[in-house]
Amino acid sequence: QAIDDFQLTETELDGFGSLDEVAKKADDGQEQAITIMDRF
């Protein structure tokens, strides 16, 4: 349920189109993406 309910904030959506993009950028070491994945 938490996976299905997880949403990016409006601010986060400015930088990322989807959770997939966040995950990919987190793997690349992008700081904001890592922060979002930590919250997830």
Full PDB file with SEQRES, HELIX, SHEET, SSBOND, CRYST1, ORIGX, SCALE, CONECT and MASTER records, all heavy atoms in Angstrom:
SEQRES   1 A   40  GLN ALA ILE ASP ASP PHE GLN LEU THR GLU THR GLU LEU          
SEQRES   2 A   40  ASP GLY PHE GLY SER LEU ASP GLU VAL ALA LYS LYS ALA          
SEQRES   3 A   40  ASP ASP GLY GLN GLU GLN ALA ILE THR ILE MET ASP ARG          
SEQRES   4 A   40  PHE                                                          
HELIX    1 AA1 ALA A    2  ASP A    5  1                                   4    
HELIX    2 AA2 GLU A   10  GLY A   15  1                                   6    
HELIX    3 AA3 LEU A   19  ASP A   27  1                                   9    
HELIX    4 AA4 GLU A   31  ARG A   39  1                                   9    
CRYST1    1.000    1.000    1.000  90.00  90.00  90.00 P 1           1          
ORIGX1      1.000000  0.000000  0.000000        0.00000                         
ORIGX2      0.000000  1.000000  0.000000        0.00000                         
ORIGX3      0.000000  0.000000  1.000000        0.00000                         
SCALE1      1.000000  0.000000  0.000000        0.00000                         
SCALE2      0.000000  1.000000  0.000000        0.00000                         
SCALE3      0.000000  0.000000  1.000000        0.00000                         
ATOM      1  N   GLN A   1       0.836  -1.203   0.000  1.00  0.00           N  
ATOM      2  CA  GLN A   1       0.000   0.000   0.000  1.00  0.00           C  
ATOM      3  C   GLN A   1       0.874   1.258   0.000  1.00  0.00           C  
ATOM      4  O   GLN A   1       0.608   2.210  -0.722  1.00  0.00           O  
ATOM      5  CB  GLN A   1      -0.923  -0.005   1.224  1.00  0.00           C  
ATOM      6  CG  GLN A   1      -2.001   1.050   1.189  1.00  0.00           C  
ATOM      7  CD  GLN A   1      -3.015   0.805   0.078  1.00  0.00           C  
ATOM      8  OE1 GLN A   1      -3.549  -0.290  -0.053  1.00  0.00           O  
ATOM      9  NE2 GLN A   1      -3.268   1.821  -0.730  1.00  0.00           N  
ATOM     10  N   ALA A   2       1.952   1.231   0.796  1.00  0.00           N  
ATOM     11  CA  ALA A   2       2.859   2.378   0.863  1.00  0.00           C  
ATOM     12  C   ALA A   2       3.523   2.623  -0.492  1.00  0.00           C  
ATOM     13  O   ALA A   2       3.692   3.770  -0.910  1.00  0.00           O  
ATOM     14  CB  ALA A   2       3.908   2.157   1.948  1.00  0.00           C  
ATOM     15  N   ILE A   3       3.879   1.555  -1.186  1.00  0.00           N  
ATOM     16  CA  ILE A   3       4.485   1.686  -2.515  1.00  0.00           C  
ATOM     17  C   ILE A   3       3.488   2.341  -3.467  1.00  0.00           C  
ATOM     18  O   ILE A   3       3.827   3.269  -4.198  1.00  0.00           O  
ATOM     19  CB  ILE A   3       4.934   0.316  -3.061  1.00  0.00           C  
ATOM     20  CG1 ILE A   3       6.102  -0.233  -2.239  1.00  0.00           C  
ATOM     21  CG2 ILE A   3       5.324   0.426  -4.548  1.00  0.00           C  
ATOM     22  CD1 ILE A   3       6.390  -1.711  -2.463  1.00  0.00           C  
ATOM     23  N   ASP A   4       2.256   1.841  -3.445  1.00  0.00           N  
ATOM     24  CA  ASP A   4       1.238   2.382  -4.358  1.00  0.00           C  
ATOM     25  C   ASP A   4       0.871   3.824  -4.027  1.00  0.00           C  
ATOM     26  O   ASP A   4       0.566   4.610  -4.919  1.00  0.00           O  
ATOM     27  CB  ASP A   4      -0.025   1.516  -4.317  1.00  0.00           C  
ATOM     28  CG  ASP A   4       0.198   0.152  -4.976  1.00  0.00           C  
ATOM     29  OD1 ASP A   4       1.122   0.025  -5.803  1.00  0.00           O  
ATOM     30  OD2 ASP A   4      -0.555  -0.776  -4.652  1.00  0.00           O  
ATOM     31  N   ASP A   5       0.894   4.155  -2.733  1.00  0.00           N  
ATOM     32  CA  ASP A   5       0.476   5.487  -2.299  1.00  0.00           C  
ATOM     33  C   ASP A   5       1.569   6.542  -2.414  1.00  0.00           C  
ATOM     34  O   ASP A   5       1.279   7.730  -2.385  1.00  0.00           O  
ATOM     35  CB  ASP A   5       0.011   5.454  -0.831  1.00  0.00           C  
ATOM     36  CG  ASP A   5      -1.313   4.714  -0.676  1.00  0.00           C  
ATOM     37  OD1 ASP A   5      -1.961   4.413  -1.698  1.00  0.00           O  
ATOM     38  OD2 ASP A   5      -1.684   4.438   0.472  1.00  0.00           O  
ATOM     39  N   PHE A   6       2.830   6.111  -2.505  1.00  0.00           N  
ATOM     40  CA  PHE A   6       3.936   7.068  -2.489  1.00  0.00           C  
ATOM     41  C   PHE A   6       3.839   8.035  -3.659  1.00  0.00           C  
ATOM     42  O   PHE A   6       3.675   7.625  -4.804  1.00  0.00           O  
ATOM     43  CB  PHE A   6       5.274   6.331  -2.528  1.00  0.00           C  
ATOM     44  CG  PHE A   6       6.455   7.253  -2.348  1.00  0.00           C  
ATOM     45  CD1 PHE A   6       6.816   7.686  -1.088  1.00  0.00           C  
ATOM     46  CD2 PHE A   6       7.178   7.710  -3.432  1.00  0.00           C  
ATOM     47  CE1 PHE A   6       7.888   8.552  -0.907  1.00  0.00           C  
ATOM     48  CE2 PHE A   6       8.246   8.571  -3.269  1.00  0.00           C  
ATOM     49  CZ  PHE A   6       8.600   8.986  -2.000  1.00  0.00           C  
ATOM     50  N   GLN A   7       3.915   9.316  -3.336  1.00  0.00           N  
ATOM     51  CA  GLN A   7       3.838  10.353  -4.370  1.00  0.00           C  
ATOM     52  C   GLN A   7       5.005  11.315  -4.219  1.00  0.00           C  
ATOM     53  O   GLN A   7       5.452  11.593  -3.107  1.00  0.00           O  
ATOM     54  CB  GLN A   7       2.534  11.159  -4.222  1.00  0.00           C  
ATOM     55  CG  GLN A   7       1.275  10.344  -4.353  1.00  0.00           C  
ATOM     56  CD  GLN A   7       1.043   9.845  -5.768  1.00  0.00           C  
ATOM     57  OE1 GLN A   7       1.384  10.519  -6.738  1.00  0.00           O  
ATOM     58  NE2 GLN A   7       0.471   8.661  -5.892  1.00  0.00           N  
ATOM     59  N   LEU A   8       5.442  11.835  -5.343  1.00  0.00           N  
ATOM     60  CA  LEU A   8       6.440  12.907  -5.301  1.00  0.00           C  
ATOM     61  C   LEU A   8       5.711  14.198  -4.959  1.00  0.00           C  
ATOM     62  O   LEU A   8       4.568  14.397  -5.364  1.00  0.00           O  
ATOM     63  CB  LEU A   8       7.133  13.042  -6.662  1.00  0.00           C  
ATOM     64  CG  LEU A   8       7.901  11.815  -7.156  1.00  0.00           C  
ATOM     65  CD1 LEU A   8       8.486  12.095  -8.535  1.00  0.00           C  
ATOM     66  CD2 LEU A   8       8.989  11.415  -6.189  1.00  0.00           C  
ATOM     67  N   THR A   9       6.372  15.076  -4.210  1.00  0.00           N  
ATOM     68  CA  THR A   9       5.781  16.377  -3.911  1.00  0.00           C  
ATOM     69  C   THR A   9       5.828  17.235  -5.174  1.00  0.00           C  
ATOM     70  O   THR A   9       6.541  16.914  -6.131  1.00  0.00           O  
ATOM     71  CB  THR A   9       6.559  17.097  -2.791  1.00  0.00           C  
ATOM     72  OG1 THR A   9       7.874  17.386  -3.277  1.00  0.00           O  
ATOM     73  CG2 THR A   9       6.649  16.245  -1.532  1.00  0.00           C  
ATOM     74  N   GLU A  10       5.105  18.339  -5.167  1.00  0.00           N  
ATOM     75  CA  GLU A  10       5.109  19.219  -6.342  1.00  0.00           C  
ATOM     76  C   GLU A  10       6.506  19.716  -6.648  1.00  0.00           C  
ATOM     77  O   GLU A  10       6.905  19.820  -7.798  1.00  0.00           O  
ATOM     78  CB  GLU A  10       4.151  20.398  -6.119  1.00  0.00           C  
ATOM     79  CG  GLU A  10       2.714  19.933  -6.079  1.00  0.00           C  
ATOM     80  CD  GLU A  10       1.738  21.010  -6.541  1.00  0.00           C  
ATOM     81  OE1 GLU A  10       2.185  22.048  -7.057  1.00  0.00           O  
ATOM     82  OE2 GLU A  10       0.534  20.767  -6.378  1.00  0.00           O  
ATOM     83  N   THR A  11       7.270  20.028  -5.597  1.00  0.00           N  
ATOM     84  CA  THR A  11       8.643  20.493  -5.780  1.00  0.00           C  
ATOM     85  C   THR A  11       9.485  19.393  -6.420  1.00  0.00           C  
ATOM     86  O   THR A  11      10.267  19.653  -7.344  1.00  0.00           O  
ATOM     87  CB  THR A  11       9.274  20.867  -4.416  1.00  0.00           C  
ATOM     88  OG1 THR A  11       8.386  21.748  -3.750  1.00  0.00           O  
ATOM     89  CG2 THR A  11      10.611  21.534  -4.599  1.00  0.00           C  
ATOM     90  N   GLU A  12       9.317  18.172  -5.931  1.00  0.00           N  
ATOM     91  CA  GLU A  12      10.082  17.051  -6.481  1.00  0.00           C  
ATOM     92  C   GLU A  12       9.711  16.780  -7.937  1.00  0.00           C  
ATOM     93  O   GLU A  12      10.557  16.431  -8.752  1.00  0.00           O  
ATOM     94  CB  GLU A  12       9.849  15.787  -5.631  1.00  0.00           C  
ATOM     95  CG  GLU A  12      10.478  15.901  -4.248  1.00  0.00           C  
ATOM     96  CD  GLU A  12       9.972  14.864  -3.257  1.00  0.00           C  
ATOM     97  OE1 GLU A  12       9.043  14.088  -3.571  1.00  0.00           O  
ATOM     98  OE2 GLU A  12      10.511  14.836  -2.145  1.00  0.00           O  
ATOM     99  N   LEU A  13       8.424  16.975  -8.264  1.00  0.00           N  
ATOM    100  CA  LEU A  13       7.973  16.741  -9.633  1.00  0.00           C  
ATOM    101  C   LEU A  13       8.595  17.728 -10.620  1.00  0.00           C  
ATOM    102  O   LEU A  13       8.658  17.450 -11.808  1.00  0.00           O  
ATOM    103  CB  LEU A  13       6.441  16.816  -9.717  1.00  0.00           C  
ATOM    104  CG  LEU A  13       5.710  15.578  -9.186  1.00  0.00           C  
ATOM    105  CD1 LEU A  13       4.222  15.859  -9.063  1.00  0.00           C  
ATOM    106  CD2 LEU A  13       5.957  14.370 -10.076  1.00  0.00           C  
ATOM    107  N   ASP A  14       9.079  18.878 -10.117  1.00  0.00           N  
ATOM    108  CA  ASP A  14       9.777  19.824 -10.990  1.00  0.00           C  
ATOM    109  C   ASP A  14      11.061  19.203 -11.530  1.00  0.00           C  
ATOM    110  O   ASP A  14      11.471  19.487 -12.649  1.00  0.00           O  
ATOM    111  CB  ASP A  14      10.144  21.113 -10.233  1.00  0.00           C  
ATOM    112  CG  ASP A  14       8.936  22.012 -10.031  1.00  0.00           C  
ATOM    113  OD1 ASP A  14       7.914  21.793 -10.716  1.00  0.00           O  
ATOM    114  OD2 ASP A  14       9.030  22.918  -9.203  1.00  0.00           O  
ATOM    115  N   GLY A  15      11.697  18.358 -10.704  1.00  0.00           N  
ATOM    116  CA  GLY A  15      12.981  17.798 -11.112  1.00  0.00           C  
ATOM    117  C   GLY A  15      12.911  16.381 -11.646  1.00  0.00           C  
ATOM    118  O   GLY A  15      13.835  15.918 -12.303  1.00  0.00           O  
ATOM    119  N   PHE A  16      11.803  15.689 -11.360  1.00  0.00           N  
ATOM    120  CA  PHE A  16      11.701  14.286 -11.728  1.00  0.00           C  
ATOM    121  C   PHE A  16      10.320  13.983 -12.293  1.00  0.00           C  
ATOM    122  O   PHE A  16       9.315  14.426 -11.754  1.00  0.00           O  
ATOM    123  CB  PHE A  16      11.916  13.391 -10.497  1.00  0.00           C  
ATOM    124  CG  PHE A  16      13.191  13.691  -9.757  1.00  0.00           C  
ATOM    125  CD1 PHE A  16      13.189  14.520  -8.655  1.00  0.00           C  
ATOM    126  CD2 PHE A  16      14.399  13.154 -10.177  1.00  0.00           C  
ATOM    127  CE1 PHE A  16      14.356  14.809  -7.964  1.00  0.00           C  
ATOM    128  CE2 PHE A  16      15.576  13.437  -9.501  1.00  0.00           C  
ATOM    129  CZ  PHE A  16      15.561  14.264  -8.398  1.00  0.00           C  
ATOM    130  N   GLY A  17      10.274  13.207 -13.357  1.00  0.00           N  
ATOM    131  CA  GLY A  17       8.994  12.869 -13.954  1.00  0.00           C  
ATOM    132  C   GLY A  17       8.283  11.734 -13.250  1.00  0.00           C  
ATOM    133  O   GLY A  17       7.066  11.616 -13.326  1.00  0.00           O  
ATOM    134  N   SER A  18       9.052  10.895 -12.563  1.00  0.00           N  
ATOM    135  CA  SER A  18       8.453   9.707 -11.956  1.00  0.00           C  
ATOM    136  C   SER A  18       9.399   9.135 -10.911  1.00  0.00           C  
ATOM    137  O   SER A  18      10.572   9.518 -10.835  1.00  0.00           O  
ATOM    138  CB  SER A  18       8.214   8.646 -13.025  1.00  0.00           C  
ATOM    139  OG  SER A  18       9.463   8.190 -13.529  1.00  0.00           O  
ATOM    140  N   LEU A  19       8.888   8.183 -10.148  1.00  0.00           N  
ATOM    141  CA  LEU A  19       9.725   7.488  -9.181  1.00  0.00           C  
ATOM    142  C   LEU A  19      10.851   6.742  -9.890  1.00  0.00           C  
ATOM    143  O   LEU A  19      11.958   6.629  -9.369  1.00  0.00           O  
ATOM    144  CB  LEU A  19       8.869   6.516  -8.351  1.00  0.00           C  
ATOM    145  CG  LEU A  19       9.575   5.848  -7.164  1.00  0.00           C  
ATOM    146  CD1 LEU A  19      10.075   6.884  -6.162  1.00  0.00           C  
ATOM    147  CD2 LEU A  19       8.648   4.861  -6.472  1.00  0.00           C  
ATOM    148  N   ASP A  20      10.589   6.249 -11.090  1.00  0.00           N  
ATOM    149  CA  ASP A  20      11.630   5.549 -11.857  1.00  0.00           C  
ATOM    150  C   ASP A  20      12.817   6.469 -12.121  1.00  0.00           C  
ATOM    151  O   ASP A  20      13.973   6.071 -11.991  1.00  0.00           O  
ATOM    152  CB  ASP A  20      11.083   5.056 -13.204  1.00  0.00           C  
ATOM    153  CG  ASP A  20      10.012   3.988 -13.030  1.00  0.00           C  
ATOM    154  OD1 ASP A  20       9.975   3.359 -11.961  1.00  0.00           O  
ATOM    155  OD2 ASP A  20       9.224   3.796 -13.961  1.00  0.00           O  
ATOM    156  N   GLU A  21      12.499   7.703 -12.504  1.00  0.00           N  
ATOM    157  CA  GLU A  21      13.556   8.675 -12.781  1.00  0.00           C  
ATOM    158  C   GLU A  21      14.333   8.990 -11.501  1.00  0.00           C  
ATOM    159  O   GLU A  21      15.559   9.117 -11.518  1.00  0.00           O  
ATOM    160  CB  GLU A  21      12.932   9.946 -13.367  1.00  0.00           C  
ATOM    161  CG  GLU A  21      13.946  10.880 -13.986  1.00  0.00           C  
ATOM    162  CD  GLU A  21      13.294  12.099 -14.632  1.00  0.00           C  
ATOM    163  OE1 GLU A  21      12.121  12.022 -15.041  1.00  0.00           O  
ATOM    164  OE2 GLU A  21      13.983  13.123 -14.700  1.00  0.00           O  
ATOM    165  N   VAL A  22      13.613   9.101 -10.387  1.00  0.00           N  
ATOM    166  CA  VAL A  22      14.251   9.344  -9.091  1.00  0.00           C  
ATOM    167  C   VAL A  22      15.217   8.204  -8.764  1.00  0.00           C  
ATOM    168  O   VAL A  22      16.373   8.438  -8.405  1.00  0.00           O  
ATOM    169  CB  VAL A  22      13.201   9.482  -7.960  1.00  0.00           C  
ATOM    170  CG1 VAL A  22      13.884   9.558  -6.606  1.00  0.00           C  
ATOM    171  CG2 VAL A  22      12.329  10.712  -8.184  1.00  0.00           C  
ATOM    172  N   ALA A  23      14.744   6.972  -8.915  1.00  0.00           N  
ATOM    173  CA  ALA A  23      15.571   5.803  -8.596  1.00  0.00           C  
ATOM    174  C   ALA A  23      16.831   5.774  -9.452  1.00  0.00           C  
ATOM    175  O   ALA A  23      17.932   5.508  -8.960  1.00  0.00           O  
ATOM    176  CB  ALA A  23      14.763   4.520  -8.793  1.00  0.00           C  
ATOM    177  N   LYS A  24      16.670   6.076 -10.740  1.00  0.00           N  
ATOM    178  CA  LYS A  24      17.810   6.076 -11.653  1.00  0.00           C  
ATOM    179  C   LYS A  24      18.825   7.148 -11.247  1.00  0.00           C  
ATOM    180  O   LYS A  24      20.021   6.899 -11.202  1.00  0.00           O  
ATOM    181  CB  LYS A  24      17.295   6.315 -13.078  1.00  0.00           C  
ATOM    182  CG  LYS A  24      18.345   6.156 -14.164  1.00  0.00           C  
ATOM    183  CD  LYS A  24      17.665   6.250 -15.529  1.00  0.00           C  
ATOM    184  CE  LYS A  24      18.579   5.906 -16.669  1.00  0.00           C  
ATOM    185  NZ  LYS A  24      19.805   6.688 -16.729  1.00  0.00           N  
ATOM    186  N   LYS A  25      18.325   8.343 -10.941  1.00  0.00           N  
ATOM    187  CA  LYS A  25      19.225   9.432 -10.570  1.00  0.00           C  
ATOM    188  C   LYS A  25      19.857   9.192  -9.198  1.00  0.00           C  
ATOM    189  O   LYS A  25      20.997   9.596  -8.963  1.00  0.00           O  
ATOM    190  CB  LYS A  25      18.497  10.776 -10.630  1.00  0.00           C  
ATOM    191  CG  LYS A  25      18.211  11.195 -12.065  1.00  0.00           C  
ATOM    192  CD  LYS A  25      17.609  12.579 -12.173  1.00  0.00           C  
ATOM    193  CE  LYS A  25      17.435  12.964 -13.644  1.00  0.00           C  
ATOM    194  NZ  LYS A  25      16.775  14.250 -13.797  1.00  0.00           N  
ATOM    195  N   ALA A  26      19.137   8.533  -8.301  1.00  0.00           N  
ATOM    196  CA  ALA A  26      19.708   8.192  -6.997  1.00  0.00           C  
ATOM    197  C   ALA A  26      20.887   7.239  -7.196  1.00  0.00           C  
ATOM    198  O   ALA A  26      21.913   7.363  -6.529  1.00  0.00           O  
ATOM    199  CB  ALA A  26      18.648   7.575  -6.092  1.00  0.00           C  
ATOM    200  N   ASP A  27      20.729   6.294  -8.117  1.00  0.00           N  
ATOM    201  CA  ASP A  27      21.819   5.366  -8.427  1.00  0.00           C  
ATOM    202  C   ASP A  27      23.039   6.112  -8.960  1.00  0.00           C  
ATOM    203  O   ASP A  27      24.167   5.682  -8.765  1.00  0.00           O  
ATOM    204  CB  ASP A  27      21.377   4.321  -9.462  1.00  0.00           C  
ATOM    205  CG  ASP A  27      20.535   3.221  -8.844  1.00  0.00           C  
ATOM    206  OD1 ASP A  27      20.527   3.103  -7.591  1.00  0.00           O  
ATOM    207  OD2 ASP A  27      19.895   2.473  -9.590  1.00  0.00           O  
ATOM    208  N   ASP A  28      22.778   7.224  -9.639  1.00  0.00           N  
ATOM    209  CA  ASP A  28      23.870   8.040 -10.180  1.00  0.00           C  
ATOM    210  C   ASP A  28      24.455   8.982  -9.128  1.00  0.00           C  
ATOM    211  O   ASP A  28      25.371   9.745  -9.417  1.00  0.00           O  
ATOM    212  CB  ASP A  28      23.378   8.874 -11.375  1.00  0.00           C  
ATOM    213  CG  ASP A  28      23.015   8.004 -12.573  1.00  0.00           C  
ATOM    214  OD1 ASP A  28      23.487   6.845 -12.640  1.00  0.00           O  
ATOM    215  OD2 ASP A  28      22.250   8.474 -13.433  1.00  0.00           O  
ATOM    216  N   GLY A  29      23.893   8.955  -7.915  1.00  0.00           N  
ATOM    217  CA  GLY A  29      24.437   9.772  -6.830  1.00  0.00           C  
ATOM    218  C   GLY A  29      23.838  11.159  -6.710  1.00  0.00           C  
ATOM    219  O   GLY A  29      24.368  12.009  -5.999  1.00  0.00           O  
ATOM    220  N   GLN A  30      22.732  11.423  -7.401  1.00  0.00           N  
ATOM    221  CA  GLN A  30      22.106  12.741  -7.344  1.00  0.00           C  
ATOM    222  C   GLN A  30      21.466  12.946  -5.975  1.00  0.00           C  
ATOM    223  O   GLN A  30      20.647  12.143  -5.539  1.00  0.00           O  
ATOM    224  CB  GLN A  30      21.071  12.835  -8.481  1.00  0.00           C  
ATOM    225  CG  GLN A  30      20.884  14.237  -9.017  1.00  0.00           C  
ATOM    226  CD  GLN A  30      19.620  14.877  -8.508  1.00  0.00           C  
ATOM    227  OE1 GLN A  30      19.071  14.502  -7.473  1.00  0.00           O  
ATOM    228  NE2 GLN A  30      19.153  15.870  -9.234  1.00  0.00           N  
ATOM    229  N   GLU A  31      21.865  14.023  -5.310  1.00  0.00           N  
ATOM    230  CA  GLU A  31      21.512  14.222  -3.902  1.00  0.00           C  
ATOM    231  C   GLU A  31      20.015  14.281  -3.621  1.00  0.00           C  
ATOM    232  O   GLU A  31      19.517  13.631  -2.712  1.00  0.00           O  
ATOM    233  CB  GLU A  31      22.194  15.495  -3.392  1.00  0.00           C  
ATOM    234  CG  GLU A  31      22.343  15.517  -1.888  1.00  0.00           C  
ATOM    235  CD  GLU A  31      23.253  16.647  -1.425  1.00  0.00           C  
ATOM    236  OE1 GLU A  31      24.355  16.792  -1.985  1.00  0.00           O  
ATOM    237  OE2 GLU A  31      22.843  17.358  -0.505  1.00  0.00           O  
ATOM    238  N   GLN A  32      19.272  15.090  -4.384  1.00  0.00           N  
ATOM    239  CA  GLN A  32      17.831  15.198  -4.141  1.00  0.00           C  
ATOM    240  C   GLN A  32      17.151  13.845  -4.361  1.00  0.00           C  
ATOM    241  O   GLN A  32      16.259  13.458  -3.609  1.00  0.00           O  
ATOM    242  CB  GLN A  32      17.193  16.256  -5.039  1.00  0.00           C  
ATOM    243  CG  GLN A  32      15.712  16.470  -4.696  1.00  0.00           C  
ATOM    244  CD  GLN A  32      15.005  17.403  -5.663  1.00  0.00           C  
ATOM    245  OE1 GLN A  32      15.532  17.763  -6.714  1.00  0.00           O  
ATOM    246  NE2 GLN A  32      13.788  17.791  -5.321  1.00  0.00           N  
ATOM    247  N   ALA A  33      17.588  13.124  -5.370  1.00  0.00           N  
ATOM    248  CA  ALA A  33      17.002  11.809  -5.658  1.00  0.00           C  
ATOM    249  C   ALA A  33      17.246  10.852  -4.495  1.00  0.00           C  
ATOM    250  O   ALA A  33      16.358  10.091  -4.107  1.00  0.00           O  
ATOM    251  CB  ALA A  33      17.585  11.247  -6.952  1.00  0.00           C  
ATOM    252  N   ILE A  34      18.433  10.890  -3.940  1.00  0.00           N  
ATOM    253  CA  ILE A  34      18.756  10.028  -2.792  1.00  0.00           C  
ATOM    254  C   ILE A  34      17.851  10.372  -1.609  1.00  0.00           C  
ATOM    255  O   ILE A  34      17.331   9.482  -0.932  1.00  0.00           O  
ATOM    256  CB  ILE A  34      20.253  10.154  -2.428  1.00  0.00           C  
ATOM    257  CG1 ILE A  34      21.106   9.538  -3.539  1.00  0.00           C  
ATOM    258  CG2 ILE A  34      20.541   9.482  -1.079  1.00  0.00           C  
ATOM    259  CD1 ILE A  34      22.595   9.834  -3.428  1.00  0.00           C  
ATOM    260  N   THR A  35      17.625  11.659  -1.380  1.00  0.00           N  
ATOM    261  CA  THR A  35      16.749  12.109  -0.298  1.00  0.00           C  
ATOM    262  C   THR A  35      15.335  11.568  -0.489  1.00  0.00           C  
ATOM    263  O   THR A  35      14.693  11.106   0.458  1.00  0.00           O  
ATOM    264  CB  THR A  35      16.717  13.653  -0.241  1.00  0.00           C  
ATOM    265  OG1 THR A  35      18.052  14.122  -0.056  1.00  0.00           O  
ATOM    266  CG2 THR A  35      15.846  14.154   0.894  1.00  0.00           C  
ATOM    267  N   ILE A  36      14.836  11.610  -1.722  1.00  0.00           N  
ATOM    268  CA  ILE A  36      13.492  11.110  -2.013  1.00  0.00           C  
ATOM    269  C   ILE A  36      13.435   9.602  -1.783  1.00  0.00           C  
ATOM    270  O   ILE A  36      12.491   9.090  -1.170  1.00  0.00           O  
ATOM    271  CB  ILE A  36      13.074  11.444  -3.463  1.00  0.00           C  
ATOM    272  CG1 ILE A  36      12.991  12.973  -3.644  1.00  0.00           C  
ATOM    273  CG2 ILE A  36      11.728  10.788  -3.798  1.00  0.00           C  
ATOM    274  CD1 ILE A  36      12.865  13.416  -5.087  1.00  0.00           C  
ATOM    275  N   MET A  37      14.455   8.873  -2.230  1.00  0.00           N  
ATOM    276  CA  MET A  37      14.469   7.420  -2.040  1.00  0.00           C  
ATOM    277  C   MET A  37      14.539   7.071  -0.551  1.00  0.00           C  
ATOM    278  O   MET A  37      13.924   6.103  -0.105  1.00  0.00           O  
ATOM    279  CB  MET A  37      15.624   6.776  -2.809  1.00  0.00           C  
ATOM    280  CG  MET A  37      15.480   6.848  -4.331  1.00  0.00           C  
ATOM    281  SD  MET A  37      13.886   6.242  -4.993  1.00  0.00           S  
ATOM    282  CE  MET A  37      14.039   4.481  -4.662  1.00  0.00           C  
ATOM    283  N   ASP A  38      15.259   7.882   0.207  1.00  0.00           N  
ATOM    284  CA  ASP A  38      15.315   7.666   1.661  1.00  0.00           C  
ATOM    285  C   ASP A  38      13.918   7.810   2.274  1.00  0.00           C  
ATOM    286  O   ASP A  38      13.518   7.022   3.127  1.00  0.00           O  
ATOM    287  CB  ASP A  38      16.274   8.666   2.328  1.00  0.00           C  
ATOM    288  CG  ASP A  38      17.736   8.330   2.089  1.00  0.00           C  
ATOM    289  OD1 ASP A  38      18.026   7.207   1.623  1.00  0.00           O  
ATOM    290  OD2 ASP A  38      18.589   9.183   2.378  1.00  0.00           O  
ATOM    291  N   ARG A  39      13.186   8.828   1.818  1.00  0.00           N  
ATOM    292  CA  ARG A  39      11.823   9.058   2.324  1.00  0.00           C  
ATOM    293  C   ARG A  39      10.921   7.880   1.945  1.00  0.00           C  
ATOM    294  O   ARG A  39      10.127   7.393   2.757  1.00  0.00           O  
ATOM    295  CB  ARG A  39      11.263  10.370   1.749  1.00  0.00           C  
ATOM    296  CG  ARG A  39       9.863  10.713   2.224  1.00  0.00           C  
ATOM    297  CD  ARG A  39       9.486  12.153   1.923  1.00  0.00           C  
ATOM    298  NE  ARG A  39       9.496  12.496   0.510  1.00  0.00           N  
ATOM    299  CZ  ARG A  39       8.453  12.292  -0.313  1.00  0.00           C  
ATOM    300  NH1 ARG A  39       7.347  11.737   0.117  1.00  0.00           N  
ATOM    301  NH2 ARG A  39       8.534  12.648  -1.580  1.00  0.00           N  
ATOM    302  N   PHE A  40      11.066   7.396   0.724  1.00  0.00           N  
ATOM    303  CA  PHE A  40      10.309   6.243   0.248  1.00  0.00           C  
ATOM    304  C   PHE A  40      10.592   5.028   1.139  1.00  0.00           C  
ATOM    305  O   PHE A  40       9.678   4.358   1.619  1.00  0.00           O  
ATOM    306  CB  PHE A  40      10.709   5.975  -1.208  1.00  0.00           C  
ATOM    307  CG  PHE A  40      10.000   4.811  -1.856  1.00  0.00           C  
ATOM    308  CD1 PHE A  40       8.627   4.701  -1.835  1.00  0.00           C  
ATOM    309  CD2 PHE A  40      10.731   3.856  -2.545  1.00  0.00           C  
ATOM    310  CE1 PHE A  40       7.986   3.636  -2.459  1.00  0.00           C  
ATOM    311  CE2 PHE A  40      10.100   2.793  -3.165  1.00  0.00           C  
ATOM    312  CZ  PHE A  40       8.726   2.686  -3.136  1.00  0.00           C  
TER     313      PHE A  40                                                      
MASTER        0    0    0    4    0    0    0    6  312    1    0    4          
END                                                                             
